[in-house]
Amino acid sequence: MAKYFDVYQFTDGEAEFVERRENSKYAGDESMKHGDPKKADKSLSGLGNAQVWANRRFGPNLPRLLKKLLCVVVRVDSISEVIDLIQANWDAVVKECAKGEDRKHLVLKPE
């Protein structure tokens, strides 16, 4: 549903804004239904070489997405809160990301 992605790089526990990328699925075929594998490919193309995708929710393409990157469901409203959650759970994010195509999605929420 996002029209763009804000990309951050996490290094040494710090988050740095890299760029804002357009979600290329909006430039695609609007006849594609929710869960269409082509829709997942379009969204992934907008993420480039990202290793983690944090979002409030993921649809039926979640299994396809997990083969390419770690999907993290965040139960907060602002980007700054997302960054805080990722930083607070960094070890779990790295561990799950390292599982490759066997990774599962994470659900992060404030305590």
Protein backbone atom coordinates (compact mmCIF):
# COMPACT_ATOMS: atom_id res chain seq x y z
CA MET A 1 0.00 0.00 0.00
CA ALA A 2 2.98 2.30 0.46
CA LYS A 3 3.77 4.66 -2.39
CA TYR A 4 7.40 4.84 -1.31
CA PHE A 5 9.95 3.17 0.96
CA ASP A 6 12.27 5.02 3.32
CA VAL A 7 15.58 3.16 3.34
CA TYR A 8 17.83 3.17 6.40
CA GLN A 9 21.21 1.61 7.00
CA PHE A 10 21.96 0.25 10.46
CA THR A 11 25.61 0.30 11.49
CA ASP A 12 27.08 -0.01 14.97
CA GLY A 13 23.63 0.37 16.51
CA GLU A 14 22.93 3.61 14.67
CA ALA A 15 20.36 4.17 11.95
CA GLU A 16 21.17 6.43 9.03
CA PHE A 17 18.61 7.56 6.46
CA VAL A 18 19.81 6.56 2.97
CA GLU A 19 17.04 7.53 0.56
CA ARG A 20 13.35 7.46 -0.29
CA ARG A 21 12.47 5.00 -3.07
CA GLU A 22 9.22 4.87 -4.99
CA ASN A 23 7.22 1.66 -4.73
CA SER A 24 7.33 0.51 -8.34
CA LYS A 25 4.16 -1.56 -7.97
CA TYR A 26 2.26 1.71 -8.40
CA ALA A 27 3.75 2.06 -11.87
CA GLY A 28 2.67 -1.47 -12.73
CA ASP A 29 -0.47 -3.20 -13.89
CA GLU A 30 -3.30 -2.14 -11.59
CA SER A 31 -5.28 -5.24 -12.62
CA MET A 32 -2.97 -7.42 -10.51
CA LYS A 33 -4.86 -8.80 -7.55
CA HIS A 34 -3.69 -8.79 -3.95
CA GLY A 35 -1.31 -11.72 -3.50
CA ASP A 36 -0.26 -11.86 -7.16
CA PRO A 37 3.42 -12.94 -7.31
CA LYS A 38 4.08 -10.16 -9.83
CA LYS A 39 3.02 -7.63 -7.20
CA ALA A 40 5.59 -9.04 -4.78
CA ASP A 41 8.27 -8.78 -7.47
CA LYS A 42 7.35 -5.15 -8.14
CA SER A 43 7.61 -4.24 -4.45
CA LEU A 44 10.90 -6.11 -4.09
CA SER A 45 12.35 -4.26 -7.05
CA GLY A 46 11.74 -0.99 -5.20
CA LEU A 47 13.64 -2.28 -2.18
CA GLY A 48 16.78 -3.06 -4.17
CA ASN A 49 19.40 -4.76 -2.02
CA ALA A 50 17.58 -4.30 1.30
CA GLN A 51 17.93 -7.20 3.73
CA VAL A 52 15.05 -6.27 6.06
CA TRP A 53 11.61 -4.85 5.35
CA ALA A 54 9.68 -3.40 8.29
CA ASN A 55 5.99 -2.79 7.78
CA ARG A 56 2.75 -2.66 9.80
CA ARG A 57 1.45 -5.71 7.91
CA PHE A 58 2.19 -8.03 5.03
CA GLY A 59 -0.30 -9.74 2.74
CA PRO A 60 -0.46 -13.15 1.10
CA ASN A 61 2.91 -12.64 -0.61
CA LEU A 62 4.74 -12.94 2.74
CA PRO A 63 6.16 -16.43 1.98
CA ARG A 64 7.54 -15.17 -1.34
CA LEU A 65 9.02 -12.07 0.27
CA LEU A 66 10.74 -14.10 3.00
CA LYS A 67 12.76 -15.94 0.38
CA LYS A 68 14.39 -12.61 -0.52
CA LEU A 69 14.57 -10.69 2.78
CA LEU A 70 13.48 -10.64 6.40
CA CYS A 71 10.00 -9.21 6.91
CA VAL A 72 9.42 -7.50 10.26
CA VAL A 73 5.91 -6.62 11.38
CA VAL A 74 6.05 -3.54 13.57
CA ARG A 75 3.27 -2.57 15.95
CA VAL A 76 4.07 1.15 16.11
CA ASP A 77 3.02 4.20 14.13
CA SER A 78 6.08 6.32 13.44
CA ILE A 79 9.36 5.71 11.65
CA SER A 80 11.31 6.79 14.73
CA GLU A 81 9.49 4.10 16.75
CA VAL A 82 10.28 1.52 14.06
CA ILE A 83 13.96 2.46 14.23
CA ASP A 84 13.89 2.13 18.03
CA LEU A 85 12.26 -1.33 17.78
CA ILE A 86 14.79 -2.55 15.23
CA GLN A 87 17.67 -1.27 17.36
CA ALA A 88 16.25 -2.80 20.55
CA ASN A 89 15.81 -6.16 18.83
CA TRP A 90 18.90 -6.07 16.64
CA ASP A 91 20.26 -9.46 17.74
CA ALA A 92 16.98 -11.20 16.87
CA VAL A 93 16.83 -9.40 13.51
CA VAL A 94 20.38 -10.45 12.60
CA LYS A 95 19.81 -14.04 13.77
CA GLU A 96 16.60 -14.47 11.75
CA CYS A 97 18.03 -12.72 8.68
CA ALA A 98 20.98 -15.14 8.67
CA LYS A 99 18.64 -18.12 8.15
CA GLY A 100 18.31 -17.27 4.46
CA GLU A 101 15.28 -18.75 2.74
CA ASP A 102 14.37 -20.62 5.96
CA ARG A 103 13.73 -17.36 7.82
CA LYS A 104 10.39 -16.57 9.44
CA HIS A 105 8.92 -13.12 9.86
CA LEU A 106 9.34 -11.28 13.15
CA VAL A 107 6.67 -9.32 15.00
CA LEU A 108 8.07 -6.45 17.07
CA LYS A 109 6.05 -4.29 19.43
CA PRO A 110 6.99 -1.98 22.26
CA GLU A 111 7.11 -3.51 25.71
